[in-house]
Amino acid sequence: MDLGPLRVLTRALTQATFGVPATVKVPWLSPDDDPPTQTTVETTGVWVTPLDEAQPFGADFTRREPRRILAIPRTATLDMVPRGTLIEAAEEPGGTVRTWRVDGLERTEPGLTRVIVVLA
């Protein structure tokens, strides 16, 4: 039994139910670009709470706040979200729009990218 269509449906329902509007500004740095260009994509993001927060050891310090993870759908125009990408999104529906910077990649799934963001 193929569960692909069910995954697509649940992802769409999750985006529609829990999603917040997001503007993703991906910097595309090319040697030919002067100044560097930027691709802007309007999408919907879902804030995700990490299930397992890695604890530092040794001389590492813990963060004062938990990591913020934003799940955004992968599309033809938004296939990858490199570090340094700016995302404008509210933390909750109807909230104040803030600018976030991608600090890393949490994981990539078929049709979905989960990025770690910090306030810009």
PDB file of N, CA and C in Angstrom:
ATOM      1  N   MET A   1       0.837  -1.172   0.000  1.00  0.00           N
ATOM      2  CA  MET A   1       0.000   0.000   0.000  1.00  0.00           C
ATOM      3  C   MET A   1       0.884   1.238   0.000  1.00  0.00           C
ATOM      4  N   ASP A   2       0.646   2.151  -0.934  1.00  0.00           N
ATOM      5  CA  ASP A   2       1.426   3.371  -1.072  1.00  0.00           C
ATOM      6  C   ASP A   2       0.857   4.455  -0.157  1.00  0.00           C
ATOM      7  N   LEU A   3       1.672   4.955   0.767  1.00  0.00           N
ATOM      8  CA  LEU A   3       1.230   5.981   1.702  1.00  0.00           C
ATOM      9  C   LEU A   3       1.617   7.387   1.252  1.00  0.00           C
ATOM     10  N   GLY A   4       2.208   7.521   0.067  1.00  0.00           N
ATOM     11  CA  GLY A   4       2.625   8.826  -0.437  1.00  0.00           C
ATOM     12  C   GLY A   4       1.504   9.854  -0.481  1.00  0.00           C
ATOM     13  N   PRO A   5       0.348   9.523  -1.084  1.00  0.00           N
ATOM     14  CA  PRO A   5      -0.747  10.498  -1.123  1.00  0.00           C
ATOM     15  C   PRO A   5      -1.257  10.885   0.269  1.00  0.00           C
ATOM     16  N   LEU A   6      -1.250   9.939   1.209  1.00  0.00           N
ATOM     17  CA  LEU A   6      -1.678  10.244   2.574  1.00  0.00           C
ATOM     18  C   LEU A   6      -0.705  11.215   3.236  1.00  0.00           C
ATOM     19  N   ARG A   7       0.606  11.027   3.013  1.00  0.00           N
ATOM     20  CA  ARG A   7       1.613  11.948   3.561  1.00  0.00           C
ATOM     21  C   ARG A   7       1.434  13.349   3.002  1.00  0.00           C
ATOM     22  N   VAL A   8       1.172  13.441   1.707  1.00  0.00           N
ATOM     23  CA  VAL A   8       0.958  14.747   1.078  1.00  0.00           C
ATOM     24  C   VAL A   8      -0.270  15.422   1.682  1.00  0.00           C
ATOM     25  N   LEU A   9      -1.336  14.658   1.880  1.00  0.00           N
ATOM     26  CA  LEU A   9      -2.558  15.205   2.464  1.00  0.00           C
ATOM     27  C   LEU A   9      -2.326  15.687   3.897  1.00  0.00           C
ATOM     28  N   THR A  10      -1.688  14.874   4.726  1.00  0.00           N
ATOM     29  CA  THR A  10      -1.457  15.274   6.119  1.00  0.00           C
ATOM     30  C   THR A  10      -0.536  16.481   6.197  1.00  0.00           C
ATOM     31  N   ARG A  11       0.461  16.555   5.317  1.00  0.00           N
ATOM     32  CA  ARG A  11       1.354  17.721   5.302  1.00  0.00           C
ATOM     33  C   ARG A  11       0.558  18.978   4.929  1.00  0.00           C
ATOM     34  N   ALA A  12      -0.312  18.880   3.932  1.00  0.00           N
ATOM     35  CA  ALA A  12      -1.123  20.027   3.518  1.00  0.00           C
ATOM     36  C   ALA A  12      -2.084  20.460   4.632  1.00  0.00           C
ATOM     37  N   LEU A  13      -2.700  19.485   5.316  1.00  0.00           N
ATOM     38  CA  LEU A  13      -3.604  19.814   6.417  1.00  0.00           C
ATOM     39  C   LEU A  13      -2.848  20.452   7.584  1.00  0.00           C
ATOM     40  N   THR A  14      -1.667  19.964   7.880  1.00  0.00           N
ATOM     41  CA  THR A  14      -0.857  20.547   8.956  1.00  0.00           C
ATOM     42  C   THR A  14      -0.469  21.974   8.624  1.00  0.00           C
ATOM     43  N   GLN A  15      -0.035  22.219   7.378  1.00  0.00           N
ATOM     44  CA  GLN A  15       0.328  23.574   6.956  1.00  0.00           C
ATOM     45  C   GLN A  15      -0.880  24.507   7.064  1.00  0.00           C
ATOM     46  N   ALA A  16      -2.047  24.034   6.636  1.00  0.00           N
ATOM     47  CA  ALA A  16      -3.251  24.870   6.659  1.00  0.00           C
ATOM     48  C   ALA A  16      -3.735  25.142   8.083  1.00  0.00           C
ATOM     49  N   THR A  17      -3.572  24.158   8.976  1.00  0.00           N
ATOM     50  CA  THR A  17      -4.087  24.288  10.338  1.00  0.00           C
ATOM     51  C   THR A  17      -3.134  25.042  11.256  1.00  0.00           C
ATOM     52  N   PHE A  18      -1.853  24.695  11.231  1.00  0.00           N
ATOM     53  CA  PHE A  18      -0.886  25.246  12.179  1.00  0.00           C
ATOM     54  C   PHE A  18       0.102  26.229  11.556  1.00  0.00           C
ATOM     55  N   GLY A  19       0.011  26.426  10.262  1.00  0.00           N
ATOM     56  CA  GLY A  19       0.994  27.242   9.565  1.00  0.00           C
ATOM     57  C   GLY A  19       0.819  28.737   9.761  1.00  0.00           C
ATOM     58  N   VAL A  20       1.938  29.445   9.629  1.00  0.00           N
ATOM     59  CA  VAL A  20       1.952  30.904   9.641  1.00  0.00           C
ATOM     60  C   VAL A  20       2.553  31.368   8.313  1.00  0.00           C
ATOM     61  N   PRO A  21       2.073  32.481   7.768  1.00  0.00           N
ATOM     62  CA  PRO A  21       2.681  32.985   6.537  1.00  0.00           C
ATOM     63  C   PRO A  21       4.154  33.308   6.760  1.00  0.00           C
ATOM     64  N   ALA A  22       4.983  32.946   5.797  1.00  0.00           N
ATOM     65  CA  ALA A  22       6.419  33.181   5.912  1.00  0.00           C
ATOM     66  C   ALA A  22       6.968  33.665   4.578  1.00  0.00           C
ATOM     67  N   THR A  23       7.882  34.625   4.653  1.00  0.00           N
ATOM     68  CA  THR A  23       8.601  35.108   3.483  1.00  0.00           C
ATOM     69  C   THR A  23      10.041  34.651   3.632  1.00  0.00           C
ATOM     70  N   VAL A  24      10.480  33.802   2.712  1.00  0.00           N
ATOM     71  CA  VAL A  24      11.830  33.243   2.753  1.00  0.00           C
ATOM     72  C   VAL A  24      12.681  33.986   1.737  1.00  0.00           C
ATOM     73  N   LYS A  25      13.791  34.577   2.210  1.00  0.00           N
ATOM     74  CA  LYS A  25      14.702  35.333   1.345  1.00  0.00           C
ATOM     75  C   LYS A  25      16.026  34.580   1.264  1.00  0.00           C
ATOM     76  N   VAL A  26      16.160  33.802   0.187  1.00  0.00           N
ATOM     77  CA  VAL A  26      17.336  32.945   0.004  1.00  0.00           C
ATOM     78  C   VAL A  26      18.410  33.725  -0.747  1.00  0.00           C
ATOM     79  N   PRO A  27      19.616  33.855  -0.155  1.00  0.00           N
ATOM     80  CA  PRO A  27      20.698  34.533  -0.867  1.00  0.00           C
ATOM     81  C   PRO A  27      21.351  33.574  -1.857  1.00  0.00           C
ATOM     82  N   TRP A  28      21.403  33.949  -3.107  1.00  0.00           N
ATOM     83  CA  TRP A  28      22.074  33.137  -4.113  1.00  0.00           C
ATOM     84  C   TRP A  28      23.342  33.859  -4.504  1.00  0.00           C
ATOM     85  N   LEU A  29      24.451  33.392  -4.007  1.00  0.00           N
ATOM     86  CA  LEU A  29      25.724  34.025  -4.293  1.00  0.00           C
ATOM     87  C   LEU A  29      26.367  33.341  -5.486  1.00  0.00           C
ATOM     88  N   SER A  30      26.596  34.112  -6.504  1.00  0.00           N
ATOM     89  CA  SER A  30      27.226  33.606  -7.715  1.00  0.00           C
ATOM     90  C   SER A  30      28.379  34.538  -8.062  1.00  0.00           C
ATOM     91  N   PRO A  31      29.465  34.015  -8.605  1.00  0.00           N
ATOM     92  CA  PRO A  31      30.585  34.890  -8.955  1.00  0.00           C
ATOM     93  C   PRO A  31      30.204  35.971  -9.965  1.00  0.00           C
ATOM     94  N   ASP A  32      29.149  35.727 -10.744  1.00  0.00           N
ATOM     95  CA  ASP A  32      28.730  36.694 -11.763  1.00  0.00           C
ATOM     96  C   ASP A  32      27.832  37.792 -11.193  1.00  0.00           C
ATOM     97  N   ASP A  33      27.307  37.594  -9.980  1.00  0.00           N
ATOM     98  CA  ASP A  33      26.384  38.558  -9.398  1.00  0.00           C
ATOM     99  C   ASP A  33      27.132  39.642  -8.638  1.00  0.00           C
ATOM    100  N   ASP A  34      26.878  40.877  -9.017  1.00  0.00           N
ATOM    101  CA  ASP A  34      27.458  42.006  -8.301  1.00  0.00           C
ATOM    102  C   ASP A  34      26.451  43.133  -8.315  1.00  0.00           C
ATOM    103  N   PRO A  35      25.704  43.413  -7.278  1.00  0.00           N
ATOM    104  CA  PRO A  35      25.740  42.774  -5.960  1.00  0.00           C
ATOM    105  C   PRO A  35      25.037  41.420  -5.975  1.00  0.00           C
ATOM    106  N   PRO A  36      25.214  40.629  -4.914  1.00  0.00           N
ATOM    107  CA  PRO A  36      24.577  39.308  -4.850  1.00  0.00           C
ATOM    108  C   PRO A  36      23.060  39.406  -4.980  1.00  0.00           C
ATOM    109  N   THR A  37      22.464  38.437  -5.644  1.00  0.00           N
ATOM    110  CA  THR A  37      21.018  38.427  -5.824  1.00  0.00           C
ATOM    111  C   THR A  37      20.347  37.680  -4.685  1.00  0.00           C
ATOM    112  N   GLN A  38      19.038  37.804  -4.643  1.00  0.00           N
ATOM    113  CA  GLN A  38      18.268  37.169  -3.586  1.00  0.00           C
ATOM    114  C   GLN A  38      16.952  36.685  -4.182  1.00  0.00           C
ATOM    115  N   THR A  39      16.555  35.474  -3.815  1.00  0.00           N
ATOM    116  CA  THR A  39      15.280  34.934  -4.252  1.00  0.00           C
ATOM    117  C   THR A  39      14.299  35.017  -3.092  1.00  0.00           C
ATOM    118  N   THR A  40      13.127  35.602  -3.326  1.00  0.00           N
ATOM    119  CA  THR A  40      12.105  35.728  -2.291  1.00  0.00           C
ATOM    120  C   THR A  40      10.941  34.808  -2.626  1.00  0.00           C
ATOM    121  N   VAL A  41      10.556  33.975  -1.644  1.00  0.00           N
ATOM    122  CA  VAL A  41       9.477  33.019  -1.834  1.00  0.00           C
ATOM    123  C   VAL A  41       8.463  33.189  -0.705  1.00  0.00           C
ATOM    124  N   GLU A  42       7.187  33.331  -1.080  1.00  0.00           N
ATOM    125  CA  GLU A  42       6.095  33.386  -0.099  1.00  0.00           C
ATOM    126  C   GLU A  42       5.613  31.955   0.146  1.00  0.00           C
ATOM    127  N   THR A  43       5.558  31.540   1.408  1.00  0.00           N
ATOM    128  CA  THR A  43       5.158  30.182   1.742  1.00  0.00           C
ATOM    129  C   THR A  43       4.478  30.169   3.106  1.00  0.00           C
ATOM    130  N   THR A  44       4.285  28.991   3.655  1.00  0.00           N
ATOM    131  CA  THR A  44       3.718  28.816   4.984  1.00  0.00           C
ATOM    132  C   THR A  44       4.661  27.938   5.787  1.00  0.00           C
ATOM    133  N   GLY A  45       4.939  28.338   7.018  1.00  0.00           N
ATOM    134  CA  GLY A  45       5.826  27.558   7.881  1.00  0.00           C
ATOM    135  C   GLY A  45       5.098  27.093   9.128  1.00  0.00           C
ATOM    136  N   VAL A  46       5.552  25.980   9.670  1.00  0.00           N
ATOM    137  CA  VAL A  46       4.982  25.435  10.904  1.00  0.00           C
ATOM    138  C   VAL A  46       6.095  25.360  11.944  1.00  0.00           C
ATOM    139  N   TRP A  47       5.860  25.961  13.099  1.00  0.00           N
ATOM    140  CA  TRP A  47       6.843  25.895  14.185  1.00  0.00           C
ATOM    141  C   TRP A  47       6.788  24.511  14.816  1.00  0.00           C
ATOM    142  N   VAL A  48       7.951  23.908  14.999  1.00  0.00           N
ATOM    143  CA  VAL A  48       8.064  22.543  15.503  1.00  0.00           C
ATOM    144  C   VAL A  48       8.841  22.556  16.810  1.00  0.00           C
ATOM    145  N   THR A  49       8.382  21.790  17.785  1.00  0.00           N
ATOM    146  CA  THR A  49       9.109  21.626  19.034  1.00  0.00           C
ATOM    147  C   THR A  49       9.981  20.385  18.908  1.00  0.00           C
ATOM    148  N   PRO A  50      11.306  20.525  19.126  1.00  0.00           N
ATOM    149  CA  PRO A  50      12.163  19.346  19.004  1.00  0.00           C
ATOM    150  C   PRO A  50      11.812  18.300  20.064  1.00  0.00           C
ATOM    151  N   LEU A  51      11.790  17.050  19.654  1.00  0.00           N
ATOM    152  CA  LEU A  51      11.476  15.974  20.587  1.00  0.00           C
ATOM    153  C   LEU A  51      12.646  15.684  21.521  1.00  0.00           C
ATOM    154  N   ASP A  52      13.856  15.827  21.015  1.00  0.00           N
ATOM    155  CA  ASP A  52      15.037  15.498  21.806  1.00  0.00           C
ATOM    156  C   ASP A  52      16.050  16.619  21.649  1.00  0.00           C
ATOM    157  N   GLU A  53      16.286  17.351  22.708  1.00  0.00           N
ATOM    158  CA  GLU A  53      17.258  18.443  22.684  1.00  0.00           C
ATOM    159  C   GLU A  53      18.603  17.894  23.143  1.00  0.00           C
ATOM    160  N   ALA A  54      19.591  17.943  22.269  1.00  0.00           N
ATOM    161  CA  ALA A  54      20.919  17.421  22.599  1.00  0.00           C
ATOM    162  C   ALA A  54      21.530  18.237  23.735  1.00  0.00           C
ATOM    163  N   GLN A  55      22.045  17.548  24.732  1.00  0.00           N
ATOM    164  CA  GLN A  55      22.658  18.208  25.867  1.00  0.00           C
ATOM    165  C   GLN A  55      24.162  18.321  25.640  1.00  0.00           C
ATOM    166  N   PRO A  56      24.729  19.512  25.825  1.00  0.00           N
ATOM    167  CA  PRO A  56      26.173  19.662  25.647  1.00  0.00           C
ATOM    168  C   PRO A  56      26.928  18.964  26.768  1.00  0.00           C
ATOM    169  N   PHE A  57      28.185  18.679  26.503  1.00  0.00           N
ATOM    170  CA  PHE A  57      29.006  18.034  27.516  1.00  0.00           C
ATOM    171  C   PHE A  57      30.389  18.686  27.506  1.00  0.00           C
ATOM    172  N   GLY A  58      31.175  18.398  28.527  1.00  0.00           N
ATOM    173  CA  GLY A  58      32.516  18.988  28.597  1.00  0.00           C
ATOM    174  C   GLY A  58      32.437  20.465  28.916  1.00  0.00           C
ATOM    175  N   ALA A  59      33.144  21.278  28.139  1.00  0.00           N
ATOM    176  CA  ALA A  59      33.206  22.717  28.380  1.00  0.00           C
ATOM    177  C   ALA A  59      32.118  23.482  27.634  1.00  0.00           C
ATOM    178  N   ASP A  60      31.226  22.771  26.932  1.00  0.00           N
ATOM    179  CA  ASP A  60      30.153  23.441  26.205  1.00  0.00           C
ATOM    180  C   ASP A  60      29.163  24.070  27.181  1.00  0.00           C
ATOM    181  N   PHE A  61      28.522  25.127  26.736  1.00  0.00           N
ATOM    182  CA  PHE A  61      27.518  25.792  27.545  1.00  0.00           C
ATOM    183  C   PHE A  61      26.139  25.509  26.963  1.00  0.00           C
ATOM    184  N   THR A  62      25.146  25.479  27.835  1.00  0.00           N
ATOM    185  CA  THR A  62      23.790  25.274  27.348  1.00  0.00           C
ATOM    186  C   THR A  62      23.206  26.602  26.890  1.00  0.00           C
ATOM    187  N   ARG A  63      22.263  26.510  25.982  1.00  0.00           N
ATOM    188  CA  ARG A  63      21.573  27.717  25.542  1.00  0.00           C
ATOM    189  C   ARG A  63      20.564  28.126  26.604  1.00  0.00           C
ATOM    190  N   ARG A  64      20.246  29.405  26.623  1.00  0.00           N
ATOM    191  CA  ARG A  64      19.271  29.893  27.585  1.00  0.00           C
ATOM    192  C   ARG A  64      17.848  29.563  27.149  1.00  0.00           C
ATOM    193  N   GLU A  65      17.646  29.334  25.888  1.00  0.00           N
ATOM    194  CA  GLU A  65      16.311  29.033  25.378  1.00  0.00           C
ATOM    195  C   GLU A  65      16.393  27.860  24.422  1.00  0.00           C
ATOM    196  N   PRO A  66      15.302  27.153  24.249  1.00  0.00           N
ATOM    197  CA  PRO A  66      15.318  25.998  23.330  1.00  0.00           C
ATOM    198  C   PRO A  66      15.482  26.455  21.880  1.00  0.00           C
ATOM    199  N   ARG A  67      15.962  25.537  21.055  1.00  0.00           N
ATOM    200  CA  ARG A  67      16.107  25.843  19.630  1.00  0.00           C
ATOM    201  C   ARG A  67      14.735  26.067  19.017  1.00  0.00           C
ATOM    202  N   ARG A  68      14.676  26.947  18.042  1.00  0.00           N
ATOM    203  CA  ARG A  68      13.444  27.182  17.300  1.00  0.00           C
ATOM    204  C   ARG A  68      13.593  26.517  15.939  1.00  0.00           C
ATOM    205  N   ILE A  69      12.629  25.678  15.621  1.00  0.00           N
ATOM    206  CA  ILE A  69      12.668  24.937  14.356  1.00  0.00           C
ATOM    207  C   ILE A  69      11.416  25.298  13.563  1.00  0.00           C
ATOM    208  N   LEU A  70      11.636  25.661  12.306  1.00  0.00           N
ATOM    209  CA  LEU A  70      10.540  26.012  11.413  1.00  0.00           C
ATOM    210  C   LEU A  70      10.535  25.025  10.257  1.00  0.00           C
ATOM    211  N   ALA A  71       9.396  24.377  10.040  1.00  0.00           N
ATOM    212  CA  ALA A  71       9.237  23.429   8.936  1.00  0.00           C
ATOM    213  C   ALA A  71       8.591  24.162   7.770  1.00  0.00           C
ATOM    214  N   ILE A  72       9.279  24.153   6.619  1.00  0.00           N
ATOM    215  CA  ILE A  72       8.743  24.813   5.436  1.00  0.00           C
ATOM    216  C   ILE A  72       8.698  23.808   4.292  1.00  0.00           C
ATOM    217  N   PRO A  73       7.675  23.910   3.454  1.00  0.00           N
ATOM    218  CA  PRO A  73       7.546  22.957   2.347  1.00  0.00           C
ATOM    219  C   PRO A  73       8.607  23.187   1.281  1.00  0.00           C
ATOM    220  N   ARG A  74       9.085  22.092   0.718  1.00  0.00           N
ATOM    221  CA  ARG A  74      10.033  22.168  -0.396  1.00  0.00           C
ATOM    222  C   ARG A  74       9.234  22.269  -1.686  1.00  0.00           C
ATOM    223  N   THR A  75       9.617  23.217  -2.511  1.00  0.00           N
ATOM    224  CA  THR A  75       8.961  23.400  -3.805  1.00  0.00           C
ATOM    225  C   THR A  75      10.054  23.541  -4.863  1.00  0.00           C
ATOM    226  N   ALA A  76       9.640  23.702  -6.112  1.00  0.00           N
ATOM    227  CA  ALA A  76      10.615  23.870  -7.187  1.00  0.00           C
ATOM    228  C   ALA A  76      11.430  25.146  -6.992  1.00  0.00           C
ATOM    229  N   THR A  77      10.810  26.202  -6.451  1.00  0.00           N
ATOM    230  CA  THR A  77      11.537  27.448  -6.231  1.00  0.00           C
ATOM    231  C   THR A  77      12.219  27.501  -4.875  1.00  0.00           C
ATOM    232  N   LEU A  78      11.878  26.595  -3.983  1.00  0.00           N
ATOM    233  CA  LEU A  78      12.457  26.582  -2.640  1.00  0.00           C
ATOM    234  C   LEU A  78      12.913  25.165  -2.301  1.00  0.00           C
ATOM    235  N   ASP A  79      13.919  24.692  -3.032  1.00  0.00           N
ATOM    236  CA  ASP A  79      14.399  23.328  -2.856  1.00  0.00           C
ATOM    237  C   ASP A  79      15.416  23.223  -1.727  1.00  0.00           C
ATOM    238  N   MET A  80      16.201  24.272  -1.526  1.00  0.00           N
ATOM    239  CA  MET A  80      17.183  24.255  -0.447  1.00  0.00           C
ATOM    240  C   MET A  80      17.182  25.594   0.268  1.00  0.00           C
ATOM    241  N   VAL A  81      17.457  25.561   1.564  1.00  0.00           N
ATOM    242  CA  VAL A  81      17.473  26.764   2.390  1.00  0.00           C
ATOM    243  C   VAL A  81      18.836  26.812   3.068  1.00  0.00           C
ATOM    244  N   PRO A  82      19.801  27.527   2.466  1.00  0.00           N
ATOM    245  CA  PRO A  82      21.147  27.546   3.042  1.00  0.00           C
ATOM    246  C   PRO A  82      21.229  28.382   4.319  1.00  0.00           C
ATOM    247  N   ARG A  83      22.281  28.153   5.072  1.00  0.00           N
ATOM    248  CA  ARG A  83      22.534  28.919   6.288  1.00  0.00           C
ATOM    249  C   ARG A  83      22.655  30.396   5.922  1.00  0.00           C
ATOM    250  N   GLY A  84      22.065  31.256   6.740  1.00  0.00           N
ATOM    251  CA  GLY A  84      22.091  32.682   6.475  1.00  0.00           C
ATOM    252  C   GLY A  84      20.844  33.200   5.785  1.00  0.00           C
ATOM    253  N   THR A  85      19.972  32.304   5.358  1.00  0.00           N
ATOM    254  CA  THR A  85      18.712  32.706   4.728  1.00  0.00           C
ATOM    255  C   THR A  85      17.856  33.446   5.753  1.00  0.00           C
ATOM    256  N   LEU A  86      17.215  34.516   5.320  1.00  0.00           N
ATOM    257  CA  LEU A  86      16.328  35.272   6.208  1.00  0.00           C
ATOM    258  C   LEU A  86      14.889  34.839   5.989  1.00  0.00           C
ATOM    259  N   ILE A  87      14.168  34.669   7.094  1.00  0.00           N
ATOM    260  CA  ILE A  87      12.762  34.267   7.048  1.00  0.00           C
ATOM    261  C   ILE A  87      11.971  35.244   7.901  1.00  0.00           C
ATOM    262  N   GLU A  88      10.942  35.836   7.311  1.00  0.00           N
ATOM    263  CA  GLU A  88      10.045  36.730   8.045  1.00  0.00           C
ATOM    264  C   GLU A  88       8.773  35.957   8.358  1.00  0.00           C
ATOM    265  N   ALA A  89       8.537  35.723   9.658  1.00  0.00           N
ATOM    266  CA  ALA A  89       7.364  34.949  10.075  1.00  0.00           C
ATOM    267  C   ALA A  89       7.015  35.301  11.511  1.00  0.00           C
ATOM    268  N   ALA A  90       5.741  35.171  11.841  1.00  0.00           N
ATOM    269  CA  ALA A  90       5.284  35.355  13.215  1.00  0.00           C
ATOM    270  C   ALA A  90       5.442  34.032  13.962  1.00  0.00           C
ATOM    271  N   GLU A  91       5.537  34.115  15.281  1.00  0.00           N
ATOM    272  CA  GLU A  91       5.663  32.892  16.071  1.00  0.00           C
ATOM    273  C   GLU A  91       4.321  32.190  16.255  1.00  0.00           C
ATOM    274  N   GLU A  92       3.230  32.912  16.050  1.00  0.00           N
ATOM    275  CA  GLU A  92       1.897  32.324  16.150  1.00  0.00           C
ATOM    276  C   GLU A  92       0.992  33.039  15.160  1.00  0.00           C
ATOM    277  N   PRO A  93      -0.074  32.393  14.728  1.00  0.00           N
ATOM    278  CA  PRO A  93      -0.969  33.039  13.768  1.00  0.00           C
ATOM    279  C   PRO A  93      -1.486  34.380  14.296  1.00  0.00           C
ATOM    280  N   GLY A  94      -1.377  35.415  13.482  1.00  0.00           N
ATOM    281  CA  GLY A  94      -1.824  36.743  13.877  1.00  0.00           C
ATOM    282  C   GLY A  94      -0.847  37.502  14.749  1.00  0.00           C
ATOM    283  N   GLY A  95       0.316  36.903  15.050  1.00  0.00           N
ATOM    284  CA  GLY A  95       1.305  37.554  15.901  1.00  0.00           C
ATOM    285  C   GLY A  95       2.174  38.538  15.124  1.00  0.00           C
ATOM    286  N   THR A  96       3.117  39.125  15.823  1.00  0.00           N
ATOM    287  CA  THR A  96       4.032  40.087  15.222  1.00  0.00           C
ATOM    288  C   THR A  96       5.038  39.369  14.340  1.00  0.00           C
ATOM    289  N   VAL A  97       5.196  39.857  13.136  1.00  0.00           N
ATOM    290  CA  VAL A  97       6.156  39.261  12.201  1.00  0.00           C
ATOM    291  C   VAL A  97       7.557  39.671  12.626  1.00  0.00           C
ATOM    292  N   ARG A  98       8.435  38.676  12.743  1.00  0.00           N
ATOM    293  CA  ARG A  98       9.828  38.907  13.128  1.00  0.00           C
ATOM    294  C   ARG A  98      10.735  38.340  12.047  1.00  0.00           C
ATOM    295  N   THR A  99      11.954  38.817  12.025  1.00  0.00           N
ATOM    296  CA  THR A  99      12.925  38.327  11.050  1.00  0.00           C
ATOM    297  C   THR A  99      13.830  37.309  11.726  1.00  0.00           C
ATOM    298  N   TRP A 100      13.930  36.131  11.108  1.00  0.00           N
ATOM    299  CA  TRP A 100      14.728  35.018  11.623  1.00  0.00           C
ATOM    300  C   TRP A 100      15.830  34.716  10.624  1.00  0.00           C
ATOM    301  N   ARG A 101      16.960  34.231  11.115  1.00  0.00           N
ATOM    302  CA  ARG A 101      18.068  33.823  10.252  1.00  0.00           C
ATOM    303  C   ARG A 101      18.276  32.326  10.420  1.00  0.00           C
ATOM    304  N   VAL A 102      18.423  31.622   9.308  1.00  0.00           N
ATOM    305  CA  VAL A 102      18.651  30.177   9.362  1.00  0.00           C
ATOM    306  C   VAL A 102      20.047  29.927   9.915  1.00  0.00           C
ATOM    307  N   ASP A 103      20.105  29.175  11.021  1.00  0.00           N
ATOM    308  CA  ASP A 103      21.365  28.874  11.694  1.00  0.00           C
ATOM    309  C   ASP A 103      21.845  27.470  11.368  1.00  0.00           C
ATOM    310  N   GLY A 104      20.972  26.644  10.826  1.00  0.00           N
ATOM    311  CA  GLY A 104      21.352  25.280  10.485  1.00  0.00           C
ATOM    312  C   GLY A 104      20.156  24.499   9.979  1.00  0.00           C
ATOM    313  N   LEU A 105      20.445  23.289   9.567  1.00  0.00           N
ATOM    314  CA  LEU A 105      19.418  22.388   9.048  1.00  0.00           C
ATOM    315  C   LEU A 105      19.147  21.321  10.092  1.00  0.00           C
ATOM    316  N   GLU A 106      17.884  21.182  10.499  1.00  0.00           N
ATOM    317  CA  GLU A 106      17.538  20.140  11.466  1.00  0.00           C
ATOM    318  C   GLU A 106      17.396  18.814  10.741  1.00  0.00           C
ATOM    319  N   ARG A 107      16.610  18.800   9.668  1.00  0.00           N
ATOM    320  CA  ARG A 107      16.535  17.630   8.805  1.00  0.00           C
ATOM    321  C   ARG A 107      15.710  17.954   7.565  1.00  0.00           C
ATOM    322  N   THR A 108      15.878  17.109   6.561  1.00  0.00           N
ATOM    323  CA  THR A 108      15.140  17.252   5.317  1.00  0.00           C
ATOM    324  C   THR A 108      14.334  15.983   5.098  1.00  0.00           C
ATOM    325  N   GLU A 109      13.073  16.162   4.761  1.00  0.00           N
ATOM    326  CA  GLU A 109      12.181  15.056   4.468  1.00  0.00           C
ATOM    327  C   GLU A 109      11.651  15.252   3.059  1.00  0.00           C
ATOM    328  N   PRO A 110      11.072  14.233   2.460  1.00  0.00           N
ATOM    329  CA  PRO A 110      10.456  14.442   1.151  1.00  0.00           C
ATOM    330  C   PRO A 110       9.359  15.508   1.240  1.00  0.00           C
ATOM    331  N   GLY A 111       9.553  16.598   0.530  1.00  0.00           N
ATOM    332  CA  GLY A 111       8.569  17.664   0.508  1.00  0.00           C
ATOM    333  C   GLY A 111       8.628  18.640   1.660  1.00  0.00           C
ATOM    334  N   LEU A 112       9.614  18.502   2.582  1.00  0.00           N
ATOM    335  CA  LEU A 112       9.649  19.345   3.769  1.00  0.00           C
ATOM    336  C   LEU A 112      11.087  19.557   4.221  1.00  0.00           C
ATOM    337  N   THR A 113      11.396  20.790   4.606  1.00  0.00           N
ATOM    338  CA  THR A 113      12.710  21.121   5.170  1.00  0.00           C
ATOM    339  C   THR A 113      12.496  21.722   6.542  1.00  0.00           C
ATOM    340  N   ARG A 114      13.208  21.203   7.541  1.00  0.00           N
ATOM    341  CA  ARG A 114      13.122  21.727   8.900  1.00  0.00           C
ATOM    342  C   ARG A 114      14.429  22.445   9.206  1.00  0.00           C
ATOM    343  N   VAL A 115      14.323  23.771   9.422  1.00  0.00           N
ATOM    344  CA  VAL A 115      15.517  24.585   9.648  1.00  0.00           C
ATOM    345  C   VAL A 115      15.540  25.119  11.071  1.00  0.00           C
ATOM    346  N   ILE A 116      16.735  25.271  11.614  1.00  0.00           N
ATOM    347  CA  ILE A 116      16.941  25.869  12.930  1.00  0.00           C
ATOM    348  C   ILE A 116      17.117  27.366  12.697  1.00  0.00           C
ATOM    349  N   VAL A 117      16.337  28.190  13.390  1.00  0.00           N
ATOM    350  CA  VAL A 117      16.399  29.623  13.184  1.00  0.00           C
ATOM    351  C   VAL A 117      16.701  30.352  14.495  1.00  0.00           C
ATOM    352  N   VAL A 118      17.324  31.528  14.360  1.00  0.00           N
ATOM    353  CA  VAL A 118      17.582  32.440  15.476  1.00  0.00           C
ATOM    354  C   VAL A 118      17.088  33.818  15.054  1.00  0.00           C
ATOM    355  N   LEU A 119      16.796  34.652  16.020  1.00  0.00           N
ATOM    356  CA  LEU A 119      16.376  36.007  15.679  1.00  0.00           C
ATOM    357  C   LEU A 119      17.502  36.733  14.964  1.00  0.00           C
ATOM    358  N   ALA A 120      17.156  37.442  13.895  1.00  0.00           N
ATOM    359  CA  ALA A 120      18.173  38.166  13.121  1.00  0.00           C
ATOM    360  C   ALA A 120      18.426  39.522  13.737  1.00  0.00           C
TER     361      ALA A 120
END
